[in-house]
Amino acid sequence: MDWKYVDERLIKRGELLLSLDFLKGYGFELKSMNKGKVGLPFKITDGYIVFLAVIRCLFSMPYRQLEDFTRALNRLVPRLPPIDYS
């Protein structure tokens, strides 16, 4: 038996794939959302909201915990704003 192959398959079972494609067009999406908008500009794109909804569902994360997750994410990717209850 090829134990290296077996080990690799066991490791892959824990792989979690999250798409970060929303980061590629984040600035463009934000600019298009705010084009012609009256009032305060949007700070969070629809793609980011969908990403956070997936995270929240996958990990059964309460909202306040998700808020702290976005703070940590902001430290890694400064252009992604942290969210708050408002």
PDB file of N, CA and C in Angstrom:
ATOM      1  N   MET A   1       0.844  -1.180   0.000  1.00  0.00           N
ATOM      2  CA  MET A   1       0.000   0.000   0.000  1.00  0.00           C
ATOM      3  C   MET A   1       0.890   1.245   0.000  1.00  0.00           C
ATOM      4  N   ASP A   2       0.495   2.234  -0.775  1.00  0.00           N
ATOM      5  CA  ASP A   2       1.237   3.486  -0.873  1.00  0.00           C
ATOM      6  C   ASP A   2       0.776   4.432   0.241  1.00  0.00           C
ATOM      7  N   TRP A   3       1.506   4.432   1.348  1.00  0.00           N
ATOM      8  CA  TRP A   3       1.082   5.206   2.519  1.00  0.00           C
ATOM      9  C   TRP A   3       1.165   6.709   2.284  1.00  0.00           C
ATOM     10  N   LYS A   4       2.080   7.122   1.461  1.00  0.00           N
ATOM     11  CA  LYS A   4       2.168   8.556   1.155  1.00  0.00           C
ATOM     12  C   LYS A   4       0.870   9.023   0.479  1.00  0.00           C
ATOM     13  N   TYR A   5       0.371   8.222  -0.451  1.00  0.00           N
ATOM     14  CA  TYR A   5      -0.886   8.534  -1.144  1.00  0.00           C
ATOM     15  C   TYR A   5      -2.061   8.531  -0.165  1.00  0.00           C
ATOM     16  N   VAL A   6      -2.101   7.536   0.711  1.00  0.00           N
ATOM     17  CA  VAL A   6      -3.182   7.435   1.703  1.00  0.00           C
ATOM     18  C   VAL A   6      -3.149   8.640   2.629  1.00  0.00           C
ATOM     19  N   ASP A   7      -1.964   8.998   3.115  1.00  0.00           N
ATOM     20  CA  ASP A   7      -1.837  10.165   3.988  1.00  0.00           C
ATOM     21  C   ASP A   7      -2.299  11.440   3.290  1.00  0.00           C
ATOM     22  N   GLU A   8      -1.907  11.606   2.057  1.00  0.00           N
ATOM     23  CA  GLU A   8      -2.294  12.803   1.306  1.00  0.00           C
ATOM     24  C   GLU A   8      -3.803  12.890   1.144  1.00  0.00           C
ATOM     25  N   ARG A   9      -4.450  11.772   0.881  1.00  0.00           N
ATOM     26  CA  ARG A   9      -5.916  11.769   0.749  1.00  0.00           C
ATOM     27  C   ARG A   9      -6.585  12.132   2.070  1.00  0.00           C
ATOM     28  N   LEU A  10      -6.047  11.646   3.180  1.00  0.00           N
ATOM     29  CA  LEU A  10      -6.610  11.985   4.491  1.00  0.00           C
ATOM     30  C   LEU A  10      -6.441  13.472   4.787  1.00  0.00           C
ATOM     31  N   ILE A  11      -5.305  14.012   4.409  1.00  0.00           N
ATOM     32  CA  ILE A  11      -5.063  15.442   4.614  1.00  0.00           C
ATOM     33  C   ILE A  11      -6.018  16.269   3.759  1.00  0.00           C
ATOM     34  N   LYS A  12      -6.206  15.893   2.508  1.00  0.00           N
ATOM     35  CA  LYS A  12      -7.071  16.642   1.580  1.00  0.00           C
ATOM     36  C   LYS A  12      -8.514  16.694   2.045  1.00  0.00           C
ATOM     37  N   ARG A  13      -8.948  15.720   2.844  1.00  0.00           N
ATOM     38  CA  ARG A  13     -10.331  15.728   3.330  1.00  0.00           C
ATOM     39  C   ARG A  13     -10.606  16.953   4.196  1.00  0.00           C
ATOM     40  N   GLY A  14      -9.568  17.518   4.793  1.00  0.00           N
ATOM     41  CA  GLY A  14      -9.734  18.703   5.619  1.00  0.00           C
ATOM     42  C   GLY A  14      -9.575  20.003   4.875  1.00  0.00           C
ATOM     43  N   GLU A  15      -9.345  19.924   3.571  1.00  0.00           N
ATOM     44  CA  GLU A  15      -9.139  21.131   2.778  1.00  0.00           C
ATOM     45  C   GLU A  15     -10.444  21.914   2.647  1.00  0.00           C
ATOM     46  N   LEU A  16     -10.350  23.180   2.853  1.00  0.00           N
ATOM     47  CA  LEU A  16     -11.502  24.069   2.729  1.00  0.00           C
ATOM     48  C   LEU A  16     -11.183  25.077   1.643  1.00  0.00           C
ATOM     49  N   LEU A  17     -12.001  25.112   0.633  1.00  0.00           N
ATOM     50  CA  LEU A  17     -11.762  26.025  -0.486  1.00  0.00           C
ATOM     51  C   LEU A  17     -12.701  27.218  -0.383  1.00  0.00           C
ATOM     52  N   LEU A  18     -12.138  28.387  -0.240  1.00  0.00           N
ATOM     53  CA  LEU A  18     -12.900  29.623  -0.218  1.00  0.00           C
ATOM     54  C   LEU A  18     -12.401  30.488  -1.366  1.00  0.00           C
ATOM     55  N   SER A  19     -13.317  30.986  -2.137  1.00  0.00           N
ATOM     56  CA  SER A  19     -12.948  31.817  -3.270  1.00  0.00           C
ATOM     57  C   SER A  19     -12.696  33.250  -2.807  1.00  0.00           C
ATOM     58  N   LEU A  20     -11.530  33.743  -3.129  1.00  0.00           N
ATOM     59  CA  LEU A  20     -11.191  35.126  -2.833  1.00  0.00           C
ATOM     60  C   LEU A  20     -11.205  35.968  -4.103  1.00  0.00           C
ATOM     61  N   ASP A  21     -11.936  35.501  -5.106  1.00  0.00           N
ATOM     62  CA  ASP A  21     -12.012  36.209  -6.378  1.00  0.00           C
ATOM     63  C   ASP A  21     -12.606  37.606  -6.237  1.00  0.00           C
ATOM     64  N   PHE A  22     -13.421  37.813  -5.215  1.00  0.00           N
ATOM     65  CA  PHE A  22     -14.030  39.133  -5.040  1.00  0.00           C
ATOM     66  C   PHE A  22     -12.977  40.205  -4.788  1.00  0.00           C
ATOM     67  N   LEU A  23     -11.782  39.798  -4.344  1.00  0.00           N
ATOM     68  CA  LEU A  23     -10.710  40.770  -4.095  1.00  0.00           C
ATOM     69  C   LEU A  23     -10.166  41.379  -5.378  1.00  0.00           C
ATOM     70  N   LYS A  24     -10.182  40.608  -6.462  1.00  0.00           N
ATOM     71  CA  LYS A  24      -9.618  41.084  -7.729  1.00  0.00           C
ATOM     72  C   LYS A  24     -10.314  42.346  -8.214  1.00  0.00           C
ATOM     73  N   GLY A  25     -11.631  42.374  -8.147  1.00  0.00           N
ATOM     74  CA  GLY A  25     -12.379  43.517  -8.652  1.00  0.00           C
ATOM     75  C   GLY A  25     -13.007  44.348  -7.563  1.00  0.00           C
ATOM     76  N   TYR A  26     -12.457  44.292  -6.349  1.00  0.00           N
ATOM     77  CA  TYR A  26     -13.084  44.974  -5.210  1.00  0.00           C
ATOM     78  C   TYR A  26     -13.199  46.483  -5.444  1.00  0.00           C
ATOM     79  N   GLY A  27     -12.108  47.105  -5.856  1.00  0.00           N
ATOM     80  CA  GLY A  27     -12.132  48.552  -6.093  1.00  0.00           C
ATOM     81  C   GLY A  27     -13.092  48.937  -7.198  1.00  0.00           C
ATOM     82  N   PHE A  28     -13.092  48.171  -8.277  1.00  0.00           N
ATOM     83  CA  PHE A  28     -13.999  48.443  -9.395  1.00  0.00           C
ATOM     84  C   PHE A  28     -15.454  48.267  -8.972  1.00  0.00           C
ATOM     85  N   GLU A  29     -15.746  47.190  -8.234  1.00  0.00           N
ATOM     86  CA  GLU A  29     -17.127  46.947  -7.782  1.00  0.00           C
ATOM     87  C   GLU A  29     -17.594  48.059  -6.852  1.00  0.00           C
ATOM     88  N   LEU A  30     -16.724  48.487  -5.959  1.00  0.00           N
ATOM     89  CA  LEU A  30     -17.077  49.562  -5.033  1.00  0.00           C
ATOM     90  C   LEU A  30     -17.325  50.865  -5.783  1.00  0.00           C
ATOM     91  N   LYS A  31     -16.479  51.142  -6.769  1.00  0.00           N
ATOM     92  CA  LYS A  31     -16.638  52.361  -7.562  1.00  0.00           C
ATOM     93  C   LYS A  31     -17.952  52.334  -8.339  1.00  0.00           C
ATOM     94  N   SER A  32     -18.290  51.201  -8.925  1.00  0.00           N
ATOM     95  CA  SER A  32     -19.534  51.110  -9.695  1.00  0.00           C
ATOM     96  C   SER A  32     -20.761  51.167  -8.792  1.00  0.00           C
ATOM     97  N   MET A  33     -20.659  50.629  -7.580  1.00  0.00           N
ATOM     98  CA  MET A  33     -21.786  50.708  -6.639  1.00  0.00           C
ATOM     99  C   MET A  33     -22.041  52.150  -6.204  1.00  0.00           C
ATOM    100  N   ASN A  34     -20.973  52.932  -6.104  1.00  0.00           N
ATOM    101  CA  ASN A  34     -21.106  54.308  -5.625  1.00  0.00           C
ATOM    102  C   ASN A  34     -21.333  55.326  -6.733  1.00  0.00           C
ATOM    103  N   LYS A  35     -21.250  54.895  -7.982  1.00  0.00           N
ATOM    104  CA  LYS A  35     -21.437  55.814  -9.099  1.00  0.00           C
ATOM    105  C   LYS A  35     -22.871  56.367  -9.081  1.00  0.00           C
ATOM    106  N   GLY A  36     -22.978  57.685  -8.975  1.00  0.00           N
ATOM    107  CA  GLY A  36     -24.277  58.341  -8.975  1.00  0.00           C
ATOM    108  C   GLY A  36     -25.042  58.214  -7.669  1.00  0.00           C
ATOM    109  N   LYS A  37     -24.431  57.626  -6.653  1.00  0.00           N
ATOM    110  CA  LYS A  37     -25.119  57.441  -5.368  1.00  0.00           C
ATOM    111  C   LYS A  37     -25.188  58.763  -4.623  1.00  0.00           C
ATOM    112  N   VAL A  38     -26.319  59.016  -4.017  1.00  0.00           N
ATOM    113  CA  VAL A  38     -26.506  60.190  -3.187  1.00  0.00           C
ATOM    114  C   VAL A  38     -26.346  59.756  -1.735  1.00  0.00           C
ATOM    115  N   GLY A  39     -25.683  60.566  -0.946  1.00  0.00           N
ATOM    116  CA  GLY A  39     -25.485  60.222   0.462  1.00  0.00           C
ATOM    117  C   GLY A  39     -24.133  59.574   0.688  1.00  0.00           C
ATOM    118  N   LEU A  40     -23.997  58.937   1.847  1.00  0.00           N
ATOM    119  CA  LEU A  40     -22.734  58.296   2.192  1.00  0.00           C
ATOM    120  C   LEU A  40     -22.413  57.175   1.209  1.00  0.00           C
ATOM    121  N   PRO A  41     -21.154  57.059   0.835  1.00  0.00           N
ATOM    122  CA  PRO A  41     -20.779  56.005  -0.113  1.00  0.00           C
ATOM    123  C   PRO A  41     -20.786  54.627   0.549  1.00  0.00           C
ATOM    124  N   PHE A  42     -20.998  53.607  -0.268  1.00  0.00           N
ATOM    125  CA  PHE A  42     -20.880  52.237   0.208  1.00  0.00           C
ATOM    126  C   PHE A  42     -19.422  51.964   0.541  1.00  0.00           C
ATOM    127  N   LYS A  43     -19.174  51.170   1.575  1.00  0.00           N
ATOM    128  CA  LYS A  43     -17.818  50.793   1.952  1.00  0.00           C
ATOM    129  C   LYS A  43     -17.594  49.299   1.757  1.00  0.00           C
ATOM    130  N   ILE A  44     -18.683  48.539   1.667  1.00  0.00           N
ATOM    131  CA  ILE A  44     -18.609  47.085   1.570  1.00  0.00           C
ATOM    132  C   ILE A  44     -19.323  46.650   0.295  1.00  0.00           C
ATOM    133  N   THR A  45     -18.655  45.828  -0.501  1.00  0.00           N
ATOM    134  CA  THR A  45     -19.240  45.378  -1.765  1.00  0.00           C
ATOM    135  C   THR A  45     -20.139  44.158  -1.550  1.00  0.00           C
ATOM    136  N   ASP A  46     -20.950  43.901  -2.545  1.00  0.00           N
ATOM    137  CA  ASP A  46     -21.824  42.725  -2.497  1.00  0.00           C
ATOM    138  C   ASP A  46     -21.012  41.433  -2.447  1.00  0.00           C
ATOM    139  N   GLY A  47     -19.898  41.395  -3.174  1.00  0.00           N
ATOM    140  CA  GLY A  47     -19.041  40.209  -3.178  1.00  0.00           C
ATOM    141  C   GLY A  47     -18.476  39.911  -1.799  1.00  0.00           C
ATOM    142  N   TYR A  48     -18.105  40.949  -1.070  1.00  0.00           N
ATOM    143  CA  TYR A  48     -17.575  40.788   0.293  1.00  0.00           C
ATOM    144  C   TYR A  48     -18.680  40.288   1.221  1.00  0.00           C
ATOM    145  N   ILE A  49     -19.875  40.800   1.054  1.00  0.00           N
ATOM    146  CA  ILE A  49     -21.003  40.359   1.881  1.00  0.00           C
ATOM    147  C   ILE A  49     -21.297  38.883   1.645  1.00  0.00           C
ATOM    148  N   VAL A  50     -21.265  38.456   0.397  1.00  0.00           N
ATOM    149  CA  VAL A  50     -21.493  37.036   0.081  1.00  0.00           C
ATOM    150  C   VAL A  50     -20.392  36.176   0.704  1.00  0.00           C
ATOM    151  N   PHE A  51     -19.138  36.623   0.589  1.00  0.00           N
ATOM    152  CA  PHE A  51     -18.023  35.898   1.189  1.00  0.00           C
ATOM    153  C   PHE A  51     -18.231  35.738   2.693  1.00  0.00           C
ATOM    154  N   LEU A  52     -18.615  36.812   3.365  1.00  0.00           N
ATOM    155  CA  LEU A  52     -18.829  36.758   4.813  1.00  0.00           C
ATOM    156  C   LEU A  52     -20.028  35.879   5.179  1.00  0.00           C
ATOM    157  N   ALA A  53     -21.046  35.874   4.342  1.00  0.00           N
ATOM    158  CA  ALA A  53     -22.204  35.006   4.591  1.00  0.00           C
ATOM    159  C   ALA A  53     -21.791  33.538   4.510  1.00  0.00           C
ATOM    160  N   VAL A  54     -20.935  33.211   3.556  1.00  0.00           N
ATOM    161  CA  VAL A  54     -20.437  31.836   3.431  1.00  0.00           C
ATOM    162  C   VAL A  54     -19.628  31.457   4.666  1.00  0.00           C
ATOM    163  N   ILE A  55     -18.744  32.344   5.103  1.00  0.00           N
ATOM    164  CA  ILE A  55     -17.947  32.095   6.311  1.00  0.00           C
ATOM    165  C   ILE A  55     -18.855  31.868   7.510  1.00  0.00           C
ATOM    166  N   ARG A  56     -19.851  32.730   7.650  1.00  0.00           N
ATOM    167  CA  ARG A  56     -20.758  32.630   8.791  1.00  0.00           C
ATOM    168  C   ARG A  56     -21.509  31.305   8.782  1.00  0.00           C
ATOM    169  N   CYS A  57     -21.983  30.882   7.629  1.00  0.00           N
ATOM    170  CA  CYS A  57     -22.718  29.613   7.533  1.00  0.00           C
ATOM    171  C   CYS A  57     -21.809  28.406   7.738  1.00  0.00           C
ATOM    172  N   LEU A  58     -20.630  28.414   7.120  1.00  0.00           N
ATOM    173  CA  LEU A  58     -19.722  27.274   7.230  1.00  0.00           C
ATOM    174  C   LEU A  58     -19.290  27.001   8.666  1.00  0.00           C
ATOM    175  N   PHE A  59     -19.043  28.061   9.401  1.00  0.00           N
ATOM    176  CA  PHE A  59     -18.509  27.914  10.749  1.00  0.00           C
ATOM    177  C   PHE A  59     -19.545  28.175  11.840  1.00  0.00           C
ATOM    178  N   SER A  60     -20.825  28.318  11.463  1.00  0.00           N
ATOM    179  CA  SER A  60     -21.901  28.604  12.429  1.00  0.00           C
ATOM    180  C   SER A  60     -21.457  29.720  13.377  1.00  0.00           C
ATOM    181  N   MET A  61     -20.992  30.782  12.778  1.00  0.00           N
ATOM    182  CA  MET A  61     -20.369  31.869  13.518  1.00  0.00           C
ATOM    183  C   MET A  61     -21.413  32.911  13.925  1.00  0.00           C
ATOM    184  N   PRO A  62     -21.499  33.235  15.210  1.00  0.00           N
ATOM    185  CA  PRO A  62     -22.386  34.329  15.621  1.00  0.00           C
ATOM    186  C   PRO A  62     -21.928  35.649  15.008  1.00  0.00           C
ATOM    187  N   TYR A  63     -22.847  36.604  14.931  1.00  0.00           N
ATOM    188  CA  TYR A  63     -22.546  37.849  14.246  1.00  0.00           C
ATOM    189  C   TYR A  63     -21.360  38.583  14.871  1.00  0.00           C
ATOM    190  N   ARG A  64     -21.306  38.668  16.183  1.00  0.00           N
ATOM    191  CA  ARG A  64     -20.208  39.401  16.833  1.00  0.00           C
ATOM    192  C   ARG A  64     -18.864  38.739  16.556  1.00  0.00           C
ATOM    193  N   GLN A  65     -18.858  37.434  16.475  1.00  0.00           N
ATOM    194  CA  GLN A  65     -17.624  36.724  16.143  1.00  0.00           C
ATOM    195  C   GLN A  65     -17.218  37.016  14.697  1.00  0.00           C
ATOM    196  N   LEU A  66     -18.208  37.107  13.808  1.00  0.00           N
ATOM    197  CA  LEU A  66     -17.933  37.468  12.419  1.00  0.00           C
ATOM    198  C   LEU A  66     -17.364  38.883  12.343  1.00  0.00           C
ATOM    199  N   GLU A  67     -17.860  39.763  13.195  1.00  0.00           N
ATOM    200  CA  GLU A  67     -17.344  41.135  13.248  1.00  0.00           C
ATOM    201  C   GLU A  67     -15.852  41.128  13.593  1.00  0.00           C
ATOM    202  N   ASP A  68     -15.461  40.319  14.562  1.00  0.00           N
ATOM    203  CA  ASP A  68     -14.052  40.231  14.923  1.00  0.00           C
ATOM    204  C   ASP A  68     -13.240  39.567  13.811  1.00  0.00           C
ATOM    205  N   PHE A  69     -13.833  38.609  13.106  1.00  0.00           N
ATOM    206  CA  PHE A  69     -13.178  37.974  11.970  1.00  0.00           C
ATOM    207  C   PHE A  69     -12.831  39.029  10.918  1.00  0.00           C
ATOM    208  N   THR A  70     -13.748  39.970  10.672  1.00  0.00           N
ATOM    209  CA  THR A  70     -13.482  41.007   9.673  1.00  0.00           C
ATOM    210  C   THR A  70     -12.402  41.972  10.145  1.00  0.00           C
ATOM    211  N   ARG A  71     -12.293  42.165  11.446  1.00  0.00           N
ATOM    212  CA  ARG A  71     -11.210  43.005  11.964  1.00  0.00           C
ATOM    213  C   ARG A  71      -9.860  42.348  11.696  1.00  0.00           C
ATOM    214  N   ALA A  72      -9.787  41.038  11.937  1.00  0.00           N
ATOM    215  CA  ALA A  72      -8.546  40.304  11.674  1.00  0.00           C
ATOM    216  C   ALA A  72      -8.246  40.290  10.175  1.00  0.00           C
ATOM    217  N   LEU A  73      -9.279  40.126   9.367  1.00  0.00           N
ATOM    218  CA  LEU A  73      -9.108  40.135   7.918  1.00  0.00           C
ATOM    219  C   LEU A  73      -8.612  41.498   7.439  1.00  0.00           C
ATOM    220  N   ASN A  74      -9.097  42.560   8.072  1.00  0.00           N
ATOM    221  CA  ASN A  74      -8.662  43.918   7.735  1.00  0.00           C
ATOM    222  C   ASN A  74      -7.175  44.111   8.007  1.00  0.00           C
ATOM    223  N   ARG A  75      -6.666  43.480   9.051  1.00  0.00           N
ATOM    224  CA  ARG A  75      -5.232  43.582   9.338  1.00  0.00           C
ATOM    225  C   ARG A  75      -4.408  42.883   8.255  1.00  0.00           C
ATOM    226  N   LEU A  76      -4.960  41.813   7.658  1.00  0.00           N
ATOM    227  CA  LEU A  76      -4.256  41.086   6.602  1.00  0.00           C
ATOM    228  C   LEU A  76      -4.428  41.751   5.240  1.00  0.00           C
ATOM    229  N   VAL A  77      -5.647  42.244   4.979  1.00  0.00           N
ATOM    230  CA  VAL A  77      -5.981  42.884   3.700  1.00  0.00           C
ATOM    231  C   VAL A  77      -6.605  44.248   4.030  1.00  0.00           C
ATOM    232  N   PRO A  78      -5.782  45.291   4.168  1.00  0.00           N
ATOM    233  CA  PRO A  78      -6.276  46.587   4.634  1.00  0.00           C
ATOM    234  C   PRO A  78      -7.419  47.202   3.832  1.00  0.00           C
ATOM    235  N   ARG A  79      -7.554  46.882   2.561  1.00  0.00           N
ATOM    236  CA  ARG A  79      -8.640  47.492   1.776  1.00  0.00           C
ATOM    237  C   ARG A  79     -10.012  46.903   2.113  1.00  0.00           C
ATOM    238  N   LEU A  80     -10.041  45.775   2.843  1.00  0.00           N
ATOM    239  CA  LEU A  80     -11.324  45.193   3.270  1.00  0.00           C
ATOM    240  C   LEU A  80     -11.694  45.789   4.618  1.00  0.00           C
ATOM    241  N   PRO A  81     -12.734  46.585   4.656  1.00  0.00           N
ATOM    242  CA  PRO A  81     -13.082  47.241   5.919  1.00  0.00           C
ATOM    243  C   PRO A  81     -13.695  46.259   6.931  1.00  0.00           C
ATOM    244  N   PRO A  82     -13.423  46.482   8.219  1.00  0.00           N
ATOM    245  CA  PRO A  82     -14.108  45.670   9.216  1.00  0.00           C
ATOM    246  C   PRO A  82     -15.584  46.072   9.254  1.00  0.00           C
ATOM    247  N   ILE A  83     -16.436  45.143   9.581  1.00  0.00           N
ATOM    248  CA  ILE A  83     -17.869  45.456   9.658  1.00  0.00           C
ATOM    249  C   ILE A  83     -18.266  45.683  11.110  1.00  0.00           C
ATOM    250  N   ASP A  84     -19.370  46.349  11.307  1.00  0.00           N
ATOM    251  CA  ASP A  84     -19.928  46.480  12.654  1.00  0.00           C
ATOM    252  C   ASP A  84     -21.441  46.370  12.559  1.00  0.00           C
ATOM    253  N   TYR A  85     -22.091  46.368  13.704  1.00  0.00           N
ATOM    254  CA  TYR A  85     -23.528  46.125  13.743  1.00  0.00           C
ATOM    255  C   TYR A  85     -24.343  47.147  12.966  1.00  0.00           C
ATOM    256  N   SER A  86     -23.773  48.346  12.732  1.00  0.00           N
ATOM    257  CA  SER A  86     -24.539  49.375  12.031  1.00  0.00           C
ATOM    258  C   SER A  86     -24.439  49.168  10.532  1.00  0.00           C
TER     259      SER A  86
END
